[in-house]
Protein backbone atom coordinates (compact mmCIF):
# COMPACT_ATOMS: atom_id res chain seq x y z
CA MET A 1 -65.45 -54.22 -1.52
CA SER A 2 -68.28 -52.98 -3.75
CA LEU A 3 -67.31 -49.86 -5.68
CA PRO A 4 -69.33 -47.91 -8.29
CA LEU A 5 -67.25 -49.15 -11.23
CA SER A 6 -66.54 -52.67 -10.02
CA GLY A 7 -66.77 -55.08 -12.95
CA LEU A 8 -65.87 -52.46 -15.53
CA ARG A 9 -62.81 -53.37 -17.59
CA ILE A 10 -60.83 -50.81 -19.61
CA ILE A 11 -57.86 -51.53 -21.86
CA ALA A 12 -55.67 -48.42 -21.82
CA VAL A 13 -53.02 -47.59 -24.41
CA GLU A 14 -51.84 -44.47 -22.65
CA GLN A 15 -48.88 -42.47 -21.52
CA TYR A 16 -47.74 -39.22 -19.94
CA GLY A 17 -50.41 -37.14 -18.15
CA ALA A 18 -53.84 -36.45 -19.63
CA GLY A 19 -54.64 -40.03 -20.64
CA PRO A 20 -53.45 -41.73 -17.45
CA PHE A 21 -55.27 -39.06 -15.40
CA ALA A 22 -58.51 -40.02 -17.17
CA THR A 23 -58.27 -43.73 -16.39
CA GLN A 24 -57.00 -43.10 -12.86
CA HIS A 25 -60.35 -41.46 -12.08
CA LEU A 26 -62.00 -44.73 -13.15
CA ALA A 27 -59.51 -47.02 -11.42
CA ASP A 28 -59.98 -45.13 -8.15
CA LEU A 29 -63.70 -45.96 -8.34
CA GLY A 30 -63.13 -49.66 -8.89
CA ALA A 31 -62.70 -50.12 -12.65
CA ASP A 32 -60.15 -52.70 -13.76
CA VAL A 33 -57.79 -50.59 -15.86
CA ILE A 34 -55.30 -52.71 -17.78
CA LYS A 35 -52.48 -50.46 -18.92
CA ILE A 36 -50.68 -51.64 -22.06
CA GLU A 37 -47.03 -50.62 -22.29
CA ASN A 38 -44.42 -51.41 -24.91
CA ALA A 39 -41.30 -52.43 -23.02
CA ARG A 40 -39.15 -51.95 -26.15
CA ASP A 41 -39.94 -48.23 -26.00
CA GLY A 42 -39.45 -47.99 -22.25
CA GLY A 43 -43.17 -48.15 -21.48
CA ASP A 44 -45.12 -45.08 -20.41
CA VAL A 45 -42.86 -42.08 -21.05
CA GLY A 46 -44.19 -40.66 -17.78
CA ARG A 47 -41.99 -43.17 -15.92
CA ALA A 48 -38.98 -41.10 -16.94
CA VAL A 49 -40.38 -37.61 -16.28
CA GLY A 50 -38.24 -36.04 -13.56
CA PRO A 51 -36.83 -34.53 -11.59
CA HIS A 52 -38.02 -36.77 -8.74
CA TYR A 53 -37.86 -40.58 -8.68
CA PHE A 54 -38.59 -43.47 -6.34
CA GLY A 55 -36.30 -45.64 -8.45
CA PRO A 56 -35.38 -46.37 -12.08
CA GLY A 57 -38.43 -46.18 -14.32
CA ASP A 58 -40.62 -45.05 -11.44
CA SER A 59 -40.88 -41.27 -11.25
CA HIS A 60 -43.04 -39.32 -8.84
CA PHE A 61 -44.80 -38.03 -11.97
CA TYR A 62 -45.73 -41.57 -13.07
CA GLU A 63 -46.99 -42.49 -9.61
CA ALA A 64 -49.25 -39.41 -9.58
CA PHE A 65 -51.26 -40.66 -12.59
CA ASN A 66 -51.34 -44.47 -12.47
CA ARG A 67 -52.45 -45.83 -9.12
CA ASN A 68 -54.93 -48.69 -8.82
CA LYS A 69 -54.16 -49.99 -12.34
CA ARG A 70 -52.64 -53.17 -13.75
CA SER A 71 -49.82 -53.17 -16.30
CA ILE A 72 -49.16 -55.57 -19.15
CA ALA A 73 -46.02 -55.23 -21.28
CA LEU A 74 -47.28 -55.94 -24.82
CA ASN A 75 -45.89 -55.06 -28.24
CA LEU A 76 -48.95 -53.93 -30.20
CA LYS A 77 -46.87 -53.50 -33.36
CA SER A 78 -46.43 -57.27 -33.72
CA SER A 79 -49.09 -59.46 -35.32
CA GLU A 80 -49.23 -61.61 -32.20
CA GLY A 81 -49.63 -58.51 -30.04
CA LYS A 82 -52.58 -57.37 -32.14
CA GLU A 83 -54.23 -60.76 -31.72
CA ILE A 84 -53.73 -60.58 -27.95
CA LEU A 85 -55.35 -57.15 -27.96
CA LEU A 86 -58.41 -58.57 -29.74
CA LYS A 87 -58.59 -61.34 -27.15
CA LEU A 88 -58.51 -58.79 -24.33
CA VAL A 89 -61.16 -56.69 -26.05
CA GLU A 90 -63.59 -59.62 -26.02
CA LYS A 91 -64.09 -59.20 -22.26
CA ALA A 92 -63.59 -55.45 -21.99
CA ASP A 93 -66.05 -52.57 -21.84
CA ALA A 94 -63.78 -49.95 -23.38
CA VAL A 95 -60.45 -49.34 -25.07
CA PHE A 96 -58.88 -45.99 -24.23
CA ASP A 97 -55.95 -44.26 -25.91
CA ASN A 98 -54.27 -40.86 -25.81
CA LEU A 99 -52.31 -41.06 -29.02
CA ARG A 100 -51.78 -38.53 -31.78
CA GLY A 101 -55.03 -38.16 -33.72
CA ASP A 102 -53.93 -40.08 -36.81
CA LEU A 103 -52.62 -43.11 -34.92
CA PRO A 104 -55.65 -44.98 -33.45
CA ALA A 105 -56.94 -45.98 -36.87
CA SER A 106 -53.51 -47.00 -38.15
CA LEU A 107 -52.85 -49.08 -35.02
CA GLY A 108 -56.27 -50.73 -35.06
CA LEU A 109 -57.55 -49.08 -31.89
CA ASP A 110 -60.79 -47.63 -33.26
CA TYR A 111 -64.28 -49.11 -33.34
CA ALA A 112 -64.01 -50.15 -36.97
CA ALA A 113 -61.07 -52.40 -36.10
CA LEU A 114 -62.23 -53.74 -32.73
CA ALA A 115 -65.97 -54.26 -33.21
CA ARG A 116 -65.34 -57.69 -34.74
CA ALA A 117 -63.97 -58.82 -31.39
CA ASN A 118 -66.69 -57.11 -29.34
CA PRO A 119 -69.57 -55.16 -30.97
CA ALA A 120 -70.27 -53.41 -27.63
CA ILE A 121 -66.73 -52.07 -27.20
CA VAL A 122 -66.40 -48.32 -26.62
CA CYS A 123 -63.27 -46.78 -28.11
CA ALA A 124 -62.37 -43.55 -26.32
CA HIS A 125 -59.70 -41.37 -27.92
CA LEU A 126 -57.91 -38.45 -26.28
CA SER A 127 -55.70 -36.48 -28.66
CA ALA A 128 -54.24 -33.03 -29.10
CA TYR A 129 -56.45 -31.76 -31.92
CA GLY A 130 -58.86 -34.61 -32.65
CA ARG A 131 -58.87 -37.46 -35.16
CA THR A 132 -60.25 -35.39 -38.04
CA GLY A 133 -59.32 -32.15 -39.73
CA SER A 134 -56.09 -30.53 -40.83
CA ARG A 135 -54.31 -31.00 -37.49
CA LYS A 136 -55.07 -34.65 -36.76
CA ALA A 137 -51.40 -35.61 -37.21
CA TRP A 138 -50.08 -32.69 -35.16
CA PRO A 139 -48.44 -33.33 -31.80
CA GLY A 140 -49.69 -31.00 -29.09
CA TYR A 141 -49.33 -30.24 -25.40
CA ASP A 142 -51.10 -28.40 -22.61
CA TYR A 143 -49.25 -25.09 -22.70
CA LEU A 144 -49.80 -24.78 -26.46
CA MET A 145 -53.55 -25.08 -25.89
CA GLN A 146 -53.47 -22.47 -23.15
CA ALA A 147 -51.70 -20.11 -25.55
CA GLU A 148 -54.01 -20.59 -28.53
CA ALA A 149 -57.27 -20.74 -26.59
CA GLY A 150 -56.67 -17.36 -24.95
CA TYR A 151 -55.72 -18.46 -21.43
CA LEU A 152 -52.39 -16.63 -21.38
CA SER A 153 -54.15 -13.40 -22.31
CA LEU A 154 -56.38 -13.76 -19.24
CA THR A 155 -53.76 -14.73 -16.67
CA GLY A 156 -51.29 -12.50 -14.83
CA GLU A 157 -51.05 -8.77 -14.30
CA PRO A 158 -52.16 -6.43 -17.11
CA ASP A 159 -48.69 -4.91 -17.54
CA GLY A 160 -46.86 -8.26 -17.40
CA PRO A 161 -46.15 -10.84 -20.11
CA PRO A 162 -48.79 -13.41 -21.09
CA THR A 163 -48.86 -16.02 -18.33
CA ARG A 164 -49.86 -19.69 -18.24
CA PHE A 165 -51.59 -21.51 -15.41
CA GLY A 166 -49.21 -22.88 -12.80
CA LEU A 167 -50.61 -26.37 -13.42
CA SER A 168 -51.17 -28.39 -16.60
CA ILE A 169 -54.83 -27.51 -16.30
CA ILE A 170 -55.80 -28.52 -19.86
CA ASP A 171 -54.29 -31.99 -19.44
CA LEU A 172 -56.18 -32.47 -16.19
CA MET A 173 -59.49 -31.12 -17.50
CA THR A 174 -59.21 -33.15 -20.71
CA GLY A 175 -58.50 -36.30 -18.72
CA THR A 176 -61.55 -35.70 -16.56
CA THR A 177 -63.69 -34.98 -19.63
CA ALA A 178 -62.44 -38.14 -21.34
CA ALA A 179 -63.42 -40.25 -18.32
CA MET A 180 -66.94 -38.79 -18.52
CA ALA A 181 -67.13 -39.42 -22.28
CA LEU A 182 -65.97 -43.02 -21.89
CA LEU A 183 -68.61 -43.73 -19.26
CA ALA A 184 -71.29 -42.11 -21.43
CA GLY A 185 -70.33 -44.46 -24.25
CA ILE A 186 -70.55 -47.47 -21.95
CA VAL A 187 -74.01 -46.45 -20.70
CA GLU A 188 -75.21 -46.36 -24.30
CA ALA A 189 -73.49 -49.63 -25.22
CA ARG A 190 -75.13 -51.45 -22.33
CA LYS A 191 -78.54 -50.27 -23.55
CA THR A 192 -78.03 -50.99 -27.24
CA GLY A 193 -75.36 -53.68 -27.39
CA ARG A 194 -73.37 -51.49 -29.77
CA GLY A 195 -70.30 -49.46 -28.96
CA ARG A 196 -68.82 -46.47 -30.73
CA ASP A 197 -65.86 -44.13 -30.97
CA VAL A 198 -65.89 -41.14 -28.60
CA ASP A 199 -63.38 -38.34 -29.02
CA VAL A 200 -61.99 -35.69 -26.69
CA SER A 201 -59.13 -33.34 -27.57
CA LEU A 202 -56.98 -30.94 -25.61
CA PHE A 203 -57.90 -28.15 -28.00
CA ASP A 204 -61.66 -28.71 -27.75
CA VAL A 205 -61.58 -28.82 -23.96
CA ALA A 206 -59.42 -25.70 -23.74
CA LEU A 207 -61.88 -23.84 -25.96
CA HIS A 208 -64.94 -25.23 -24.12
CA ASN A 209 -63.54 -24.04 -20.80
CA LEU A 210 -63.81 -20.42 -21.98
CA ALA A 211 -67.49 -20.81 -21.06
CA TYR A 212 -69.03 -17.44 -20.10
CA VAL A 213 -66.04 -15.51 -21.44
CA ALA A 214 -66.74 -17.07 -24.85
CA THR A 215 -70.44 -16.21 -24.59
CA TRP A 216 -69.60 -12.58 -23.81
CA TYR A 217 -67.55 -12.32 -26.98
CA LEU A 218 -69.75 -14.41 -29.28
CA ASN A 219 -72.92 -12.53 -28.35
CA GLY A 220 -71.73 -9.13 -27.22
CA GLY A 221 -68.37 -8.67 -28.90
CA HIS A 222 -66.62 -8.22 -25.55
CA THR A 223 -63.02 -9.44 -25.34
CA THR A 224 -62.11 -10.12 -21.70
CA LYS A 225 -58.69 -8.84 -20.63
CA ARG A 226 -56.47 -9.36 -17.61
CA GLU A 227 -57.36 -7.42 -14.49
CA PRO A 228 -55.03 -6.35 -11.64
CA ARG A 229 -54.62 -8.74 -8.73
CA SER A 230 -56.46 -11.60 -10.46
CA SER A 231 -59.74 -9.80 -9.97
CA HIS A 232 -63.10 -10.89 -11.31
CA PRO A 233 -63.96 -8.98 -14.51
CA SER A 234 -67.26 -7.59 -13.20
CA LEU A 235 -67.63 -8.24 -9.45
CA THR A 236 -65.81 -6.51 -6.62
CA PRO A 237 -64.47 -7.14 -4.07
CA SER A 238 -63.37 -10.37 -5.75
CA GLU A 239 -59.59 -10.33 -5.90
CA LEU A 240 -56.36 -10.37 -3.91
CA TYR A 241 -55.89 -7.97 -1.00
CA ARG A 242 -52.87 -7.28 1.17
CA THR A 243 -52.66 -8.31 4.81
CA ARG A 244 -49.95 -7.55 7.33
CA ASP A 245 -47.99 -10.68 6.40
CA GLY A 246 -49.11 -11.54 2.89
CA TRP A 247 -52.25 -11.85 0.77
CA ILE A 248 -55.83 -12.97 1.10
CA PHE A 249 -58.42 -13.61 -1.61
CA LEU A 250 -61.92 -12.27 -0.96
CA MET A 251 -64.96 -13.09 -3.11
CA CYS A 252 -68.10 -11.14 -2.29
CA ASN A 253 -69.89 -12.61 -5.29
CA LYS A 254 -73.29 -12.16 -3.69
CA GLU A 255 -74.45 -8.71 -2.63
CA LYS A 256 -75.17 -9.86 0.92
CA PHE A 257 -71.49 -10.58 1.56
CA TRP A 258 -70.53 -6.92 1.14
CA GLY A 259 -72.55 -5.97 4.18
CA VAL A 260 -71.13 -8.85 6.20
CA LEU A 261 -67.59 -7.91 5.19
CA ALA A 262 -68.12 -4.25 6.09
CA ASN A 263 -69.31 -5.19 9.58
CA VAL A 264 -66.56 -7.75 10.21
CA VAL A 265 -63.79 -5.26 9.33
CA GLY A 266 -65.42 -2.53 11.41
CA LYS A 267 -66.58 -0.35 8.52
CA PRO A 268 -70.41 -0.50 8.63
CA GLU A 269 -70.58 2.89 6.91
CA TRP A 270 -69.49 1.22 3.66
CA ILE A 271 -72.88 -0.47 3.38
CA ASP A 272 -74.76 2.74 2.53
CA ASP A 273 -71.92 4.66 0.90
CA PRO A 274 -73.20 5.62 -2.60
CA GLU A 275 -69.83 4.67 -4.14
CA LEU A 276 -69.83 1.24 -2.50
CA CYS A 277 -73.44 0.22 -1.93
CA ASN A 278 -73.92 -2.15 -4.88
CA TYR A 279 -72.07 -4.12 -7.58
CA ALA A 280 -72.17 -1.35 -10.20
CA ALA A 281 -70.95 1.31 -7.78
CA ARG A 282 -68.11 -0.78 -6.46
CA LEU A 283 -67.00 -1.76 -9.97
CA LYS A 284 -66.88 1.91 -10.98
CA HIS A 285 -64.87 2.72 -7.86
CA ARG A 286 -62.79 -0.49 -7.77
CA ASN A 287 -59.55 1.38 -7.05
CA ARG A 288 -61.11 2.91 -3.96
CA VAL A 289 -62.40 -0.50 -2.80
CA ARG A 290 -58.92 -1.95 -3.28
CA ARG A 291 -57.21 0.91 -1.46
CA GLU A 292 -59.57 0.97 1.52
CA LEU A 293 -59.64 -2.81 1.95
CA ASP A 294 -55.83 -2.93 1.79
CA ASP A 295 -55.64 -0.28 4.51
CA VAL A 296 -57.95 -2.23 6.81
CA LEU A 297 -56.63 -5.71 6.12
CA MET A 298 -52.99 -4.70 6.61
CA THR A 299 -53.74 -4.08 10.29
CA ALA A 300 -53.72 -7.84 10.98
CA ASP A 301 -52.17 -10.99 9.54
CA THR A 302 -53.88 -13.42 7.16
CA ALA A 303 -54.55 -16.05 9.83
CA THR A 304 -56.34 -13.52 12.02
CA TRP A 305 -58.56 -12.38 9.18
CA MET A 306 -59.35 -15.97 8.25
CA GLU A 307 -60.53 -16.57 11.82
CA ARG A 308 -62.77 -13.49 11.64
CA PHE A 309 -64.14 -14.28 8.17
CA ALA A 310 -64.60 -18.03 8.71
CA GLY A 311 -68.04 -19.11 7.50
CA LYS A 312 -69.18 -15.50 7.07
CA VAL A 313 -67.22 -13.97 4.18
CA PRO A 314 -65.91 -16.15 1.31
CA ALA A 315 -62.15 -15.89 1.80
CA ALA A 316 -59.01 -17.95 1.33
CA PRO A 317 -55.37 -17.55 2.32
CA VAL A 318 -52.81 -17.54 -0.49
CA TYR A 319 -50.68 -20.65 0.08
CA ASP A 320 -47.77 -22.20 -1.73
CA VAL A 321 -47.99 -25.91 -2.61
CA ALA A 322 -46.43 -27.06 0.67
CA GLU A 323 -48.80 -24.93 2.74
CA ALA A 324 -51.75 -26.14 0.67
CA LEU A 325 -50.97 -29.81 1.34
CA ASP A 326 -50.06 -29.24 5.01
CA ASN A 327 -53.33 -27.36 5.57
CA PRO A 328 -55.11 -28.72 8.69
CA PHE A 329 -58.37 -28.86 6.72
CA VAL A 330 -56.72 -31.25 4.25
CA ALA A 331 -55.79 -33.52 7.15
CA GLU A 332 -59.25 -33.23 8.70
CA GLN A 333 -60.87 -34.32 5.42
CA MET A 334 -58.26 -37.07 4.83
CA ARG A 335 -57.37 -35.73 1.41
CA VAL A 336 -53.82 -37.14 1.49
CA VAL A 337 -53.69 -40.92 1.29
CA ALA A 338 -50.88 -43.51 1.43
CA PHE A 339 -50.82 -45.81 -1.60
CA GLU A 340 -48.97 -49.08 -1.04
CA HIS A 341 -46.05 -50.01 -3.29
CA PRO A 342 -44.38 -53.45 -2.99
CA GLU A 343 -40.87 -51.99 -3.27
CA HIS A 344 -41.07 -48.43 -1.98
CA GLY A 345 -43.66 -48.84 0.75
CA PRO A 346 -46.32 -46.15 1.24
CA ILE A 347 -46.42 -43.46 -1.45
CA ARG A 348 -48.43 -40.43 -0.39
CA GLY A 349 -50.80 -38.86 -2.87
CA VAL A 350 -53.93 -36.74 -3.09
CA ALA A 351 -57.14 -38.75 -2.69
CA SER A 352 -59.81 -39.07 -5.36
CA PRO A 353 -62.15 -36.07 -5.26
CA VAL A 354 -65.13 -38.45 -5.48
CA ARG A 355 -66.48 -39.56 -2.11
CA ILE A 356 -68.79 -42.55 -1.87
CA GLY A 357 -68.99 -43.24 1.84
CA GLU A 358 -66.51 -46.11 1.82
CA ALA A 359 -62.80 -46.61 1.31
CA LEU A 360 -61.41 -46.50 -2.21
CA PRO A 361 -58.53 -48.77 -3.31
CA THR A 362 -55.02 -47.67 -2.37
CA ARG A 363 -52.60 -49.55 -4.62
CA ALA A 364 -49.63 -47.59 -5.95
CA ALA A 365 -48.93 -47.45 -9.69
CA PRO A 366 -47.90 -50.80 -11.23
CA ARG A 367 -44.42 -51.77 -12.32
CA MET A 368 -44.14 -52.19 -16.07
CA GLY A 369 -45.47 -55.62 -17.00
CA GLU A 370 -46.27 -56.46 -13.38
CA HIS A 371 -49.55 -58.12 -14.35
CA THR A 372 -48.68 -59.54 -17.77
CA ASP A 373 -49.01 -63.21 -16.79
CA GLU A 374 -52.08 -62.58 -14.65
CA VAL A 375 -53.96 -60.74 -17.40
CA LEU A 376 -53.03 -63.25 -20.10
CA ARG A 377 -54.16 -66.17 -17.95
CA GLU A 378 -57.50 -64.42 -17.39
CA ALA A 379 -57.81 -64.11 -21.18
CA GLY A 380 -57.34 -67.87 -21.56
CA PHE A 381 -53.66 -68.15 -22.46
CA ALA A 382 -51.81 -71.22 -21.13
CA ASP A 383 -48.50 -70.84 -19.30
CA ASP A 384 -46.52 -72.47 -22.11
CA THR A 385 -48.05 -70.04 -24.61
CA ILE A 386 -47.18 -67.11 -22.36
CA ALA A 387 -43.60 -68.41 -22.11
CA TRP A 388 -43.39 -68.62 -25.92
CA LEU A 389 -44.75 -65.06 -26.24
CA ARG A 390 -42.03 -63.90 -23.88
CA ARG A 391 -39.34 -65.60 -25.92
CA GLN A 392 -40.67 -63.84 -29.02
CA ALA A 393 -40.62 -60.49 -27.15
CA VAL A 394 -44.36 -60.06 -27.79
CA VAL A 395 -44.87 -59.65 -24.04
CA GLN A 396 -42.58 -59.03 -21.08
């Protein structure tokens, strides 16, 4: 099987969510991701994140972030473990970590420490607040970033408490950004023969994601606030509306869709109504738009409206997680895939969002230390040396 990242080797000192999510993107596309875990500490802490488990040390959470990787149980705090790391780096393209910002340098995981083993090595670091500045030694997590970067002030109903995203969106976005940064470093290293450190932090990504909202404030002094029904701050209709059995989200974010919507719901007179005929008018009279659309849409259920809007008006039903995954369109597009585990059998998960026209690998997440012997042999270690390293608890 020829995959886009076949031949790429990444040594990953990672745990929990954001870091493993980054390297899983790469492993799905064919990269050889060698996950280093310290068995003395229980390995990746994500193995123990509940409440759902396939077995001891193998949580559903861990399986969601670590498929298609290899695992080596290695104690990087020992002198022998550090030497093994240098040996692995010789044939690697990148070393990735998601440690606290002050730790990569102290553990010898930065370019200054690893370049002697491989001048072309790229050292990608994912941390909470970066490896420089007053917060480099601070621990940090997704929800904290959402709070400080303004997300909670933008989410939820105006009269409700500040509200976070339902998902760990900063972890996921930072992981994706880190995968991009790592690949950018490798592209440069293959041109120049010299690697570098590349840094991504949860805080920086959270702030960067403010995008146009940030530009509005920085250039116009406008502070965006929460709007009722999750509505767009300037376009309408672009929010939640009631149907007979629930809710539907409509997004007429191009002017042409207003006319289509008016005709589909049997209200062609809305097209030329001076209070509804363009973006500015509808924004000024948003309460009327909301009231009149509710009245019309509540005459039928969500499924009926989706049939009428399909391909004409941008619309989506409001699903819970089960409904989202059981959606017939998900099945049609084969977005749920079975990943094979040697003990548990098929483990179902969401497919990589990258499509390349051929099948991607479908190995479930590795057991801790599952590939220790295999990886060490590839690095040139003899079986008797590996046995000695096991006796010394350097590897497991």
